[in-house]
Amino acid sequence: MNLCDIREIKELLARHGFRFSKAKGQNFLIQDWVPKEIVRGAGIDRDCGVLEVGPGIGPLTKELCASAGKVVAVEVDQSLRPILAETLAGCDNLEMIFGDVLKQDLPTLVAEQFGGLRPVACANLPYYITSPILAALLESRCFSAVTVMVQKEVAQRICSAAGTADYSAFTVFCQYYAEPKLLFDVPPSCFLPQPKVTSAVLRLDLRDAPPCEILDEALFFRVVKASFAVRRKTLLNGLSMGFPQLGKAELASVLEECGLPQNVRGETLGISGFAALSNALCGRLHRD
């Protein structure tokens, strides 16, 4: 069965009485070059153990199974169970888990399923839940790379540079954990039903260590969040809202200590700038 042939897909779904769920953001691939290019771009080979999130009817899953040592696919939609049993029959290196990936203990799953293999993650992520799933995959720190298909504007935001219009707190979050690279675009015509926006495939190679010294990781992300909370206003204003206990005068002295002008905006800082700022604040917040 060609899982990217629109006629075969429609016949398969009709036979099982399947209905697309807008709530689950379901859009199935109908162009077979897309899963092939995802697997190629992700660098999947027999030494890889792959966690796939949201297999749908399984076109990417089949390509992963053909290249990887083992594949574990997590699908939240129980109505796809009989369809996947049919479409993925014969994939002997596949294990299906029906459940919410956000409720999985990812480090334990990887340790139990991928012993001796290089763990990677691969997913065609629903637009509505892209950020939480990607955050969970990165924060688990148990994958060497994460390759995902997301809305193109999200991919651009993740890859953007400090000071650009797309740069955001989520950019800093992703680039703290990984080095992202845009691989290719996927137009709406590649899906059934067609989404209203273009998608893009993004590969994030996980860092072995943070890109710079950070004394308190939780504080670092708190500083980043505060810095973007009042975008287009000064960093001092954002920090004043995020750390009211210090007061503007002391926060101004922190900026001076870091060599930053009083009118600097948070969205102009890179990871090293946020690291210096959070490290300087660490001493002030934790002093006796």
C-alpha atoms as a PDB file:
ATOM      1  CA  MET A   1       0.000   0.000   0.000  1.00  0.00           C
ATOM      2  CA  ASN A   2       1.264   3.438  -0.953  1.00  0.00           C
ATOM      3  CA  LEU A   3       0.583   5.520   2.155  1.00  0.00           C
ATOM      4  CA  CYS A   4       1.107   8.742   0.217  1.00  0.00           C
ATOM      5  CA  ASP A   5      -1.324   7.950  -2.607  1.00  0.00           C
ATOM      6  CA  ILE A   6      -4.393  10.104  -2.035  1.00  0.00           C
ATOM      7  CA  ARG A   7      -6.749   7.557  -3.602  1.00  0.00           C
ATOM      8  CA  GLU A   8      -5.437   4.711  -1.443  1.00  0.00           C
ATOM      9  CA  ILE A   9      -5.500   6.936   1.637  1.00  0.00           C
ATOM     10  CA  LYS A  10      -9.124   7.917   1.094  1.00  0.00           C
ATOM     11  CA  GLU A  11     -10.122   4.292   0.522  1.00  0.00           C
ATOM     12  CA  LEU A  12      -8.235   3.194   3.649  1.00  0.00           C
ATOM     13  CA  LEU A  13      -9.809   5.884   5.840  1.00  0.00           C
ATOM     14  CA  ALA A  14     -13.298   5.231   4.474  1.00  0.00           C
ATOM     15  CA  ARG A  15     -12.957   1.497   5.092  1.00  0.00           C
ATOM     16  CA  HIS A  16     -12.129   2.159   8.750  1.00  0.00           C
ATOM     17  CA  GLY A  17     -14.684   4.948   9.168  1.00  0.00           C
ATOM     18  CA  PHE A  18     -11.960   7.427  10.120  1.00  0.00           C
ATOM     19  CA  ARG A  19     -12.752  11.135  10.470  1.00  0.00           C
ATOM     20  CA  PHE A  20     -10.097  13.829  10.644  1.00  0.00           C
ATOM     21  CA  SER A  21      -9.900  15.638  13.979  1.00  0.00           C
ATOM     22  CA  LYS A  22      -9.334  19.392  13.817  1.00  0.00           C
ATOM     23  CA  ALA A  23      -8.720  19.334  17.563  1.00  0.00           C
ATOM     24  CA  LYS A  24      -5.769  16.966  17.045  1.00  0.00           C
ATOM     25  CA  GLY A  25      -4.457  18.951  14.085  1.00  0.00           C
ATOM     26  CA  GLN A  26      -4.435  15.950  11.743  1.00  0.00           C
ATOM     27  CA  ASN A  27      -3.012  16.460   8.240  1.00  0.00           C
ATOM     28  CA  PHE A  28      -1.730  13.328   6.454  1.00  0.00           C
ATOM     29  CA  LEU A  29       1.069  13.399   3.882  1.00  0.00           C
ATOM     30  CA  ILE A  30       0.163  12.621   0.268  1.00  0.00           C
ATOM     31  CA  GLN A  31       3.603  13.128  -1.328  1.00  0.00           C
ATOM     32  CA  ASP A  32       6.100  10.308  -0.784  1.00  0.00           C
ATOM     33  CA  TRP A  33       9.163  12.525  -1.320  1.00  0.00           C
ATOM     34  CA  VAL A  34       8.477  14.245   1.998  1.00  0.00           C
ATOM     35  CA  PRO A  35       9.019  11.290   4.398  1.00  0.00           C
ATOM     36  CA  LYS A  36      12.011  10.162   2.306  1.00  0.00           C
ATOM     37  CA  GLU A  37      13.626  13.587   2.619  1.00  0.00           C
ATOM     38  CA  ILE A  38      12.839  13.790   6.349  1.00  0.00           C
ATOM     39  CA  VAL A  39      14.623  10.490   6.979  1.00  0.00           C
ATOM     40  CA  ARG A  40      17.560  11.552   4.815  1.00  0.00           C
ATOM     41  CA  GLY A  41      17.812  14.963   6.479  1.00  0.00           C
ATOM     42  CA  ALA A  42      17.579  13.415   9.948  1.00  0.00           C
ATOM     43  CA  GLY A  43      20.565  11.178   9.175  1.00  0.00           C
ATOM     44  CA  ILE A  44      18.737   7.987  10.173  1.00  0.00           C
ATOM     45  CA  ASP A  45      20.664   4.724   9.831  1.00  0.00           C
ATOM     46  CA  ARG A  46      20.753   1.259  11.428  1.00  0.00           C
ATOM     47  CA  ASP A  47      22.647   2.622  14.422  1.00  0.00           C
ATOM     48  CA  CYS A  48      19.671   4.853  15.332  1.00  0.00           C
ATOM     49  CA  GLY A  49      16.796   4.254  17.692  1.00  0.00           C
ATOM     50  CA  VAL A  50      14.010   6.624  16.642  1.00  0.00           C
ATOM     51  CA  LEU A  51      11.161   8.011  18.699  1.00  0.00           C
ATOM     52  CA  GLU A  52       8.425   9.154  16.327  1.00  0.00           C
ATOM     53  CA  VAL A  53       5.644  11.377  17.633  1.00  0.00           C
ATOM     54  CA  GLY A  54       2.280  11.243  15.856  1.00  0.00           C
ATOM     55  CA  PRO A  55       2.683   8.657  13.075  1.00  0.00           C
ATOM     56  CA  GLY A  56      -0.807   9.308  11.645  1.00  0.00           C
ATOM     57  CA  ILE A  57      -1.378   6.488   9.161  1.00  0.00           C
ATOM     58  CA  GLY A  58       2.333   5.690   9.041  1.00  0.00           C
ATOM     59  CA  PRO A  59       4.097   7.018   5.880  1.00  0.00           C
ATOM     60  CA  LEU A  60       7.035   8.462   7.812  1.00  0.00           C
ATOM     61  CA  THR A  61       7.009   5.476  10.169  1.00  0.00           C
ATOM     62  CA  LYS A  62       7.537   3.049   7.268  1.00  0.00           C
ATOM     63  CA  GLU A  63      10.471   5.089   5.981  1.00  0.00           C
ATOM     64  CA  LEU A  64      11.976   5.223   9.466  1.00  0.00           C
ATOM     65  CA  CYS A  65      11.602   1.472   9.925  1.00  0.00           C
ATOM     66  CA  ALA A  66      13.334   0.884   6.591  1.00  0.00           C
ATOM     67  CA  SER A  67      16.389   2.871   7.725  1.00  0.00           C
ATOM     68  CA  ALA A  68      16.611   2.721  11.542  1.00  0.00           C
ATOM     69  CA  GLY A  69      17.624  -0.011  13.937  1.00  0.00           C
ATOM     70  CA  LYS A  70      14.412   0.419  15.923  1.00  0.00           C
ATOM     71  CA  VAL A  71      11.415   2.768  15.903  1.00  0.00           C
ATOM     72  CA  VAL A  72       9.044   3.569  18.756  1.00  0.00           C
ATOM     73  CA  ALA A  73       5.993   5.512  17.580  1.00  0.00           C
ATOM     74  CA  VAL A  74       3.711   7.323  20.033  1.00  0.00           C
ATOM     75  CA  GLU A  75       0.185   8.087  18.797  1.00  0.00           C
ATOM     76  CA  VAL A  76      -2.457   9.845  20.889  1.00  0.00           C
ATOM     77  CA  ASP A  77      -5.438   8.992  18.611  1.00  0.00           C
ATOM     78  CA  GLN A  78      -6.811   5.578  19.578  1.00  0.00           C
ATOM     79  CA  SER A  79      -9.018   5.523  16.454  1.00  0.00           C
ATOM     80  CA  LEU A  80      -5.861   5.044  14.380  1.00  0.00           C
ATOM     81  CA  ARG A  81      -5.025   1.756  16.120  1.00  0.00           C
ATOM     82  CA  PRO A  82      -6.695  -0.576  13.528  1.00  0.00           C
ATOM     83  CA  ILE A  83      -5.412   1.532  10.621  1.00  0.00           C
ATOM     84  CA  LEU A  84      -1.820   1.393  11.847  1.00  0.00           C
ATOM     85  CA  ALA A  85      -2.139  -2.338  12.491  1.00  0.00           C
ATOM     86  CA  GLU A  86      -2.872  -2.667   8.770  1.00  0.00           C
ATOM     87  CA  THR A  87      -0.505  -0.107   7.288  1.00  0.00           C
ATOM     88  CA  LEU A  88       2.523  -1.031   9.396  1.00  0.00           C
ATOM     89  CA  ALA A  89       2.111  -4.792   9.357  1.00  0.00           C
ATOM     90  CA  GLY A  90       5.494  -6.343   8.713  1.00  0.00           C
ATOM     91  CA  CYS A  91       7.525  -3.569  10.356  1.00  0.00           C
ATOM     92  CA  ASP A  92       9.307  -5.900  12.751  1.00  0.00           C
ATOM     93  CA  ASN A  93      11.539  -3.215  14.268  1.00  0.00           C
ATOM     94  CA  LEU A  94       8.567  -1.073  15.307  1.00  0.00           C
ATOM     95  CA  GLU A  95       6.861  -0.717  18.672  1.00  0.00           C
ATOM     96  CA  MET A  96       3.638   1.292  18.904  1.00  0.00           C
ATOM     97  CA  ILE A  97       2.603   3.157  22.032  1.00  0.00           C
ATOM     98  CA  PHE A  98      -0.886   4.644  22.122  1.00  0.00           C
ATOM     99  CA  GLY A  99      -0.882   7.586  24.480  1.00  0.00           C
ATOM    100  CA  ASP A 100       0.165  11.201  25.011  1.00  0.00           C
ATOM    101  CA  VAL A 101       3.893  11.741  24.454  1.00  0.00           C
ATOM    102  CA  LEU A 102       3.796  14.563  27.028  1.00  0.00           C
ATOM    103  CA  LYS A 103       2.894  11.973  29.662  1.00  0.00           C
ATOM    104  CA  GLN A 104       5.784   9.669  28.773  1.00  0.00           C
ATOM    105  CA  ASP A 105       8.956   9.435  30.851  1.00  0.00           C
ATOM    106  CA  LEU A 106      11.222  10.032  27.865  1.00  0.00           C
ATOM    107  CA  PRO A 107      14.619   9.244  29.473  1.00  0.00           C
ATOM    108  CA  THR A 108      13.234   5.949  30.800  1.00  0.00           C
ATOM    109  CA  LEU A 109      11.612   5.102  27.459  1.00  0.00           C
ATOM    110  CA  VAL A 110      14.864   5.774  25.603  1.00  0.00           C
ATOM    111  CA  ALA A 111      16.924   3.744  28.077  1.00  0.00           C
ATOM    112  CA  GLU A 112      14.552   0.777  27.892  1.00  0.00           C
ATOM    113  CA  GLN A 113      13.939   0.803  24.128  1.00  0.00           C
ATOM    114  CA  PHE A 114      17.168   1.974  22.509  1.00  0.00           C
ATOM    115  CA  GLY A 115      20.000   0.222  24.323  1.00  0.00           C
ATOM    116  CA  GLY A 116      23.113   0.306  22.134  1.00  0.00           C
ATOM    117  CA  LEU A 117      21.478   2.624  19.582  1.00  0.00           C
ATOM    118  CA  ARG A 118      21.892   6.363  19.028  1.00  0.00           C
ATOM    119  CA  PRO A 119      18.577   7.900  20.148  1.00  0.00           C
ATOM    120  CA  VAL A 120      16.963  10.484  17.883  1.00  0.00           C
ATOM    121  CA  ALA A 121      13.451  11.917  17.666  1.00  0.00           C
ATOM    122  CA  CYS A 122      11.410  12.543  14.544  1.00  0.00           C
ATOM    123  CA  ALA A 123       7.918  13.997  14.197  1.00  0.00           C
ATOM    124  CA  ASN A 124       5.357  15.719  12.018  1.00  0.00           C
ATOM    125  CA  LEU A 125       4.057  17.922  14.811  1.00  0.00           C
ATOM    126  CA  PRO A 126       0.478  19.256  14.965  1.00  0.00           C
ATOM    127  CA  TYR A 127       0.591  23.053  14.871  1.00  0.00           C
ATOM    128  CA  TYR A 128      -1.453  23.491  18.048  1.00  0.00           C
ATOM    129  CA  ILE A 129       0.976  21.586  20.271  1.00  0.00           C
ATOM    130  CA  THR A 130       4.329  22.168  18.562  1.00  0.00           C
ATOM    131  CA  SER A 131       5.997  24.116  21.369  1.00  0.00           C
ATOM    132  CA  PRO A 132       5.123  21.797  24.306  1.00  0.00           C
ATOM    133  CA  ILE A 133       6.228  18.653  22.453  1.00  0.00           C
ATOM    134  CA  LEU A 134       9.426  20.196  21.124  1.00  0.00           C
ATOM    135  CA  ALA A 135      10.212  21.569  24.572  1.00  0.00           C
ATOM    136  CA  ALA A 136       9.706  18.118  26.124  1.00  0.00           C
ATOM    137  CA  LEU A 137      11.986  16.470  23.546  1.00  0.00           C
ATOM    138  CA  LEU A 138      14.759  19.019  24.103  1.00  0.00           C
ATOM    139  CA  GLU A 139      14.471  19.210  27.892  1.00  0.00           C
ATOM    140  CA  SER A 140      14.708  15.425  28.193  1.00  0.00           C
ATOM    141  CA  ARG A 141      18.310  15.708  26.963  1.00  0.00           C
ATOM    142  CA  CYS A 142      18.179  12.089  25.815  1.00  0.00           C
ATOM    143  CA  PHE A 143      18.316  12.532  22.010  1.00  0.00           C
ATOM    144  CA  SER A 144      21.316  13.359  19.844  1.00  0.00           C
ATOM    145  CA  ALA A 145      19.054  15.118  17.333  1.00  0.00           C
ATOM    146  CA  VAL A 146      15.415  16.089  16.933  1.00  0.00           C
ATOM    147  CA  THR A 147      13.974  16.453  13.423  1.00  0.00           C
ATOM    148  CA  VAL A 148      10.473  17.891  13.160  1.00  0.00           C
ATOM    149  CA  MET A 149       8.048  19.239  10.607  1.00  0.00           C
ATOM    150  CA  VAL A 150       6.379  22.387  11.924  1.00  0.00           C
ATOM    151  CA  GLN A 151       4.700  25.515  10.649  1.00  0.00           C
ATOM    152  CA  LYS A 152       7.274  27.413   8.568  1.00  0.00           C
ATOM    153  CA  GLU A 153       7.049  30.587  10.648  1.00  0.00           C
ATOM    154  CA  VAL A 154       7.799  28.546  13.790  1.00  0.00           C
ATOM    155  CA  ALA A 155      10.846  26.991  12.114  1.00  0.00           C
ATOM    156  CA  GLN A 156      12.052  30.444  11.080  1.00  0.00           C
ATOM    157  CA  ARG A 157      11.553  31.728  14.613  1.00  0.00           C
ATOM    158  CA  ILE A 158      13.584  28.863  16.073  1.00  0.00           C
ATOM    159  CA  CYS A 159      16.459  29.524  13.661  1.00  0.00           C
ATOM    160  CA  SER A 160      16.386  33.343  13.884  1.00  0.00           C
ATOM    161  CA  ALA A 161      19.212  35.567  15.086  1.00  0.00           C
ATOM    162  CA  ALA A 162      19.168  38.045  17.962  1.00  0.00           C
ATOM    163  CA  GLY A 163      17.732  41.423  17.002  1.00  0.00           C
ATOM    164  CA  THR A 164      15.565  40.127  14.146  1.00  0.00           C
ATOM    165  CA  ALA A 165      11.782  40.309  14.005  1.00  0.00           C
ATOM    166  CA  ASP A 166      11.382  36.523  14.446  1.00  0.00           C
ATOM    167  CA  TYR A 167      13.653  36.296  17.495  1.00  0.00           C
ATOM    168  CA  SER A 168      11.771  35.247  20.649  1.00  0.00           C
ATOM    169  CA  ALA A 169      12.083  33.612  24.042  1.00  0.00           C
ATOM    170  CA  PHE A 170      11.356  30.267  22.348  1.00  0.00           C
ATOM    171  CA  THR A 171      14.275  30.936  19.981  1.00  0.00           C
ATOM    172  CA  VAL A 172      16.608  31.314  22.943  1.00  0.00           C
ATOM    173  CA  PHE A 173      15.138  28.213  24.597  1.00  0.00           C
ATOM    174  CA  CYS A 174      15.685  26.027  21.524  1.00  0.00           C
ATOM    175  CA  GLN A 175      19.141  27.388  20.734  1.00  0.00           C
ATOM    176  CA  TYR A 176      20.198  26.893  24.352  1.00  0.00           C
ATOM    177  CA  TYR A 177      19.597  23.166  23.997  1.00  0.00           C
ATOM    178  CA  ALA A 178      20.427  22.625  20.331  1.00  0.00           C
ATOM    179  CA  GLU A 179      21.819  23.988  17.089  1.00  0.00           C
ATOM    180  CA  PRO A 180      18.879  24.276  14.657  1.00  0.00           C
ATOM    181  CA  LYS A 181      18.999  24.056  10.877  1.00  0.00           C
ATOM    182  CA  LEU A 182      16.191  24.554   8.355  1.00  0.00           C
ATOM    183  CA  LEU A 183      16.168  21.631   5.916  1.00  0.00           C
ATOM    184  CA  PHE A 184      13.317  22.260   3.437  1.00  0.00           C
ATOM    185  CA  ASP A 185       9.795  23.613   2.994  1.00  0.00           C
ATOM    186  CA  VAL A 186       6.671  21.480   2.563  1.00  0.00           C
ATOM    187  CA  PRO A 187       3.796  23.205   0.727  1.00  0.00           C
ATOM    188  CA  PRO A 188       0.131  22.777   1.762  1.00  0.00           C
ATOM    189  CA  SER A 189      -0.530  20.648  -1.347  1.00  0.00           C
ATOM    190  CA  CYS A 190       1.473  17.826   0.246  1.00  0.00           C
ATOM    191  CA  PHE A 191      -1.248  17.186   2.854  1.00  0.00           C
ATOM    192  CA  LEU A 192      -4.775  15.853   3.203  1.00  0.00           C
ATOM    193  CA  PRO A 193      -6.591  17.961   4.235  1.00  0.00           C
ATOM    194  CA  GLN A 194      -4.538  20.926   3.090  1.00  0.00           C
ATOM    195  CA  PRO A 195      -3.449  23.301   5.862  1.00  0.00           C
ATOM    196  CA  LYS A 196      -3.614  27.031   5.230  1.00  0.00           C
ATOM    197  CA  VAL A 197       0.110  27.555   5.803  1.00  0.00           C
ATOM    198  CA  THR A 198       3.426  26.215   4.539  1.00  0.00           C
ATOM    199  CA  SER A 199       5.338  23.773   6.711  1.00  0.00           C
ATOM    200  CA  ALA A 200       9.081  23.326   7.090  1.00  0.00           C
ATOM    201  CA  VAL A 201      11.344  20.536   8.276  1.00  0.00           C
ATOM    202  CA  LEU A 202      13.842  21.490  10.940  1.00  0.00           C
ATOM    203  CA  ARG A 203      16.718  19.525  12.447  1.00  0.00           C
ATOM    204  CA  LEU A 204      18.024  20.376  15.901  1.00  0.00           C
ATOM    205  CA  ASP A 205      21.345  18.810  16.906  1.00  0.00           C
ATOM    206  CA  LEU A 206      21.525  18.664  20.683  1.00  0.00           C
ATOM    207  CA  ARG A 207      24.447  20.330  22.407  1.00  0.00           C
ATOM    208  CA  ASP A 208      26.696  18.237  24.655  1.00  0.00           C
ATOM    209  CA  ALA A 209      26.774  21.152  27.109  1.00  0.00           C
ATOM    210  CA  PRO A 210      25.225  24.630  27.400  1.00  0.00           C
ATOM    211  CA  PRO A 211      26.768  27.114  24.945  1.00  0.00           C
ATOM    212  CA  CYS A 212      28.216  29.174  27.801  1.00  0.00           C
ATOM    213  CA  GLU A 213      28.615  29.038  31.578  1.00  0.00           C
ATOM    214  CA  ILE A 214      25.324  29.493  33.412  1.00  0.00           C
ATOM    215  CA  LEU A 215      25.210  29.462  37.205  1.00  0.00           C
ATOM    216  CA  ASP A 216      21.458  28.835  37.551  1.00  0.00           C
ATOM    217  CA  GLU A 217      19.582  27.395  34.567  1.00  0.00           C
ATOM    218  CA  ALA A 218      16.137  28.135  36.003  1.00  0.00           C
ATOM    219  CA  LEU A 219      17.133  31.754  36.622  1.00  0.00           C
ATOM    220  CA  PHE A 220      18.535  32.019  33.089  1.00  0.00           C
ATOM    221  CA  PHE A 221      15.170  31.084  31.579  1.00  0.00           C
ATOM    222  CA  ARG A 222      13.374  33.369  34.028  1.00  0.00           C
ATOM    223  CA  VAL A 223      15.520  36.254  32.790  1.00  0.00           C
ATOM    224  CA  VAL A 224      14.803  35.349  29.160  1.00  0.00           C
ATOM    225  CA  LYS A 225      11.061  35.223  29.816  1.00  0.00           C
ATOM    226  CA  ALA A 226      11.092  38.587  31.579  1.00  0.00           C
ATOM    227  CA  SER A 227      13.192  40.158  28.822  1.00  0.00           C
ATOM    228  CA  PHE A 228      10.636  39.275  26.142  1.00  0.00           C
ATOM    229  CA  ALA A 229       7.544  39.926  28.261  1.00  0.00           C
ATOM    230  CA  VAL A 230       7.461  43.579  27.211  1.00  0.00           C
ATOM    231  CA  ARG A 231       8.828  43.376  23.689  1.00  0.00           C
ATOM    232  CA  ARG A 232       9.754  46.694  22.060  1.00  0.00           C
ATOM    233  CA  LYS A 233      10.291  48.174  25.508  1.00  0.00           C
ATOM    234  CA  THR A 234      13.616  48.363  27.297  1.00  0.00           C
ATOM    235  CA  LEU A 235      15.206  45.381  28.973  1.00  0.00           C
ATOM    236  CA  LEU A 236      15.196  47.355  32.224  1.00  0.00           C
ATOM    237  CA  ASN A 237      11.396  47.552  32.110  1.00  0.00           C
ATOM    238  CA  GLY A 238      11.084  43.816  31.502  1.00  0.00           C
ATOM    239  CA  LEU A 239      13.468  42.949  34.334  1.00  0.00           C
ATOM    240  CA  SER A 240      11.632  45.342  36.656  1.00  0.00           C
ATOM    241  CA  MET A 241       8.446  43.366  36.075  1.00  0.00           C
ATOM    242  CA  GLY A 242      10.187  40.005  36.423  1.00  0.00           C
ATOM    243  CA  PHE A 243      12.314  40.891  39.464  1.00  0.00           C
ATOM    244  CA  PRO A 244      10.392  43.591  41.362  1.00  0.00           C
ATOM    245  CA  GLN A 245      12.201  42.732  44.609  1.00  0.00           C
ATOM    246  CA  LEU A 246      15.430  44.259  43.297  1.00  0.00           C
ATOM    247  CA  GLY A 247      14.090  47.626  42.173  1.00  0.00           C
ATOM    248  CA  LYS A 248      15.013  49.613  39.073  1.00  0.00           C
ATOM    249  CA  ALA A 249      18.124  51.222  40.534  1.00  0.00           C
ATOM    250  CA  GLU A 250      19.760  47.895  41.375  1.00  0.00           C
ATOM    251  CA  LEU A 251      18.700  46.372  38.073  1.00  0.00           C
ATOM    252  CA  ALA A 252      20.223  49.332  36.276  1.00  0.00           C
ATOM    253  CA  SER A 253      23.495  48.652  38.075  1.00  0.00           C
ATOM    254  CA  VAL A 254      23.303  45.004  36.938  1.00  0.00           C
ATOM    255  CA  LEU A 255      23.008  46.172  33.333  1.00  0.00           C
ATOM    256  CA  GLU A 256      26.010  48.442  33.847  1.00  0.00           C
ATOM    257  CA  GLU A 257      27.950  45.551  35.386  1.00  0.00           C
ATOM    258  CA  CYS A 258      27.262  43.521  32.230  1.00  0.00           C
ATOM    259  CA  GLY A 259      28.347  46.378  29.975  1.00  0.00           C
ATOM    260  CA  LEU A 260      24.825  46.968  28.669  1.00  0.00           C
ATOM    261  CA  PRO A 261      23.323  50.422  28.022  1.00  0.00           C
ATOM    262  CA  GLN A 262      20.281  51.437  30.035  1.00  0.00           C
ATOM    263  CA  ASN A 263      18.097  51.607  26.923  1.00  0.00           C
ATOM    264  CA  VAL A 264      19.024  48.161  25.553  1.00  0.00           C
ATOM    265  CA  ARG A 265      16.126  45.948  24.434  1.00  0.00           C
ATOM    266  CA  GLY A 266      15.958  42.309  25.467  1.00  0.00           C
ATOM    267  CA  GLU A 267      15.437  41.003  21.945  1.00  0.00           C
ATOM    268  CA  THR A 268      18.924  42.226  20.951  1.00  0.00           C
ATOM    269  CA  LEU A 269      20.727  39.904  23.390  1.00  0.00           C
ATOM    270  CA  GLY A 270      22.114  36.525  22.373  1.00  0.00           C
ATOM    271  CA  ILE A 271      22.496  33.544  24.693  1.00  0.00           C
ATOM    272  CA  SER A 272      25.839  34.792  26.008  1.00  0.00           C
ATOM    273  CA  GLY A 273      24.251  38.144  26.892  1.00  0.00           C
ATOM    274  CA  PHE A 274      21.386  36.497  28.752  1.00  0.00           C
ATOM    275  CA  ALA A 275      23.893  34.217  30.505  1.00  0.00           C
ATOM    276  CA  ALA A 276      25.973  37.164  31.717  1.00  0.00           C
ATOM    277  CA  LEU A 277      22.827  38.926  32.906  1.00  0.00           C
ATOM    278  CA  SER A 278      21.449  35.902  34.763  1.00  0.00           C
ATOM    279  CA  ASN A 279      24.830  35.178  36.355  1.00  0.00           C
ATOM    280  CA  ALA A 280      25.066  38.767  37.602  1.00  0.00           C
ATOM    281  CA  LEU A 281      21.502  38.579  38.960  1.00  0.00           C
ATOM    282  CA  CYS A 282      22.278  35.252  40.615  1.00  0.00           C
ATOM    283  CA  GLY A 283      24.718  36.908  42.995  1.00  0.00           C
ATOM    284  CA  ARG A 284      22.234  39.632  43.900  1.00  0.00           C
ATOM    285  CA  LEU A 285      19.276  37.309  44.436  1.00  0.00           C
ATOM    286  CA  HIS A 286      21.179  34.720  46.491  1.00  0.00           C
ATOM    287  CA  ARG A 287      23.196  37.020  48.699  1.00  0.00           C
ATOM    288  CA  ASP A 288      22.704  36.826  52.432  1.00  0.00           C
END
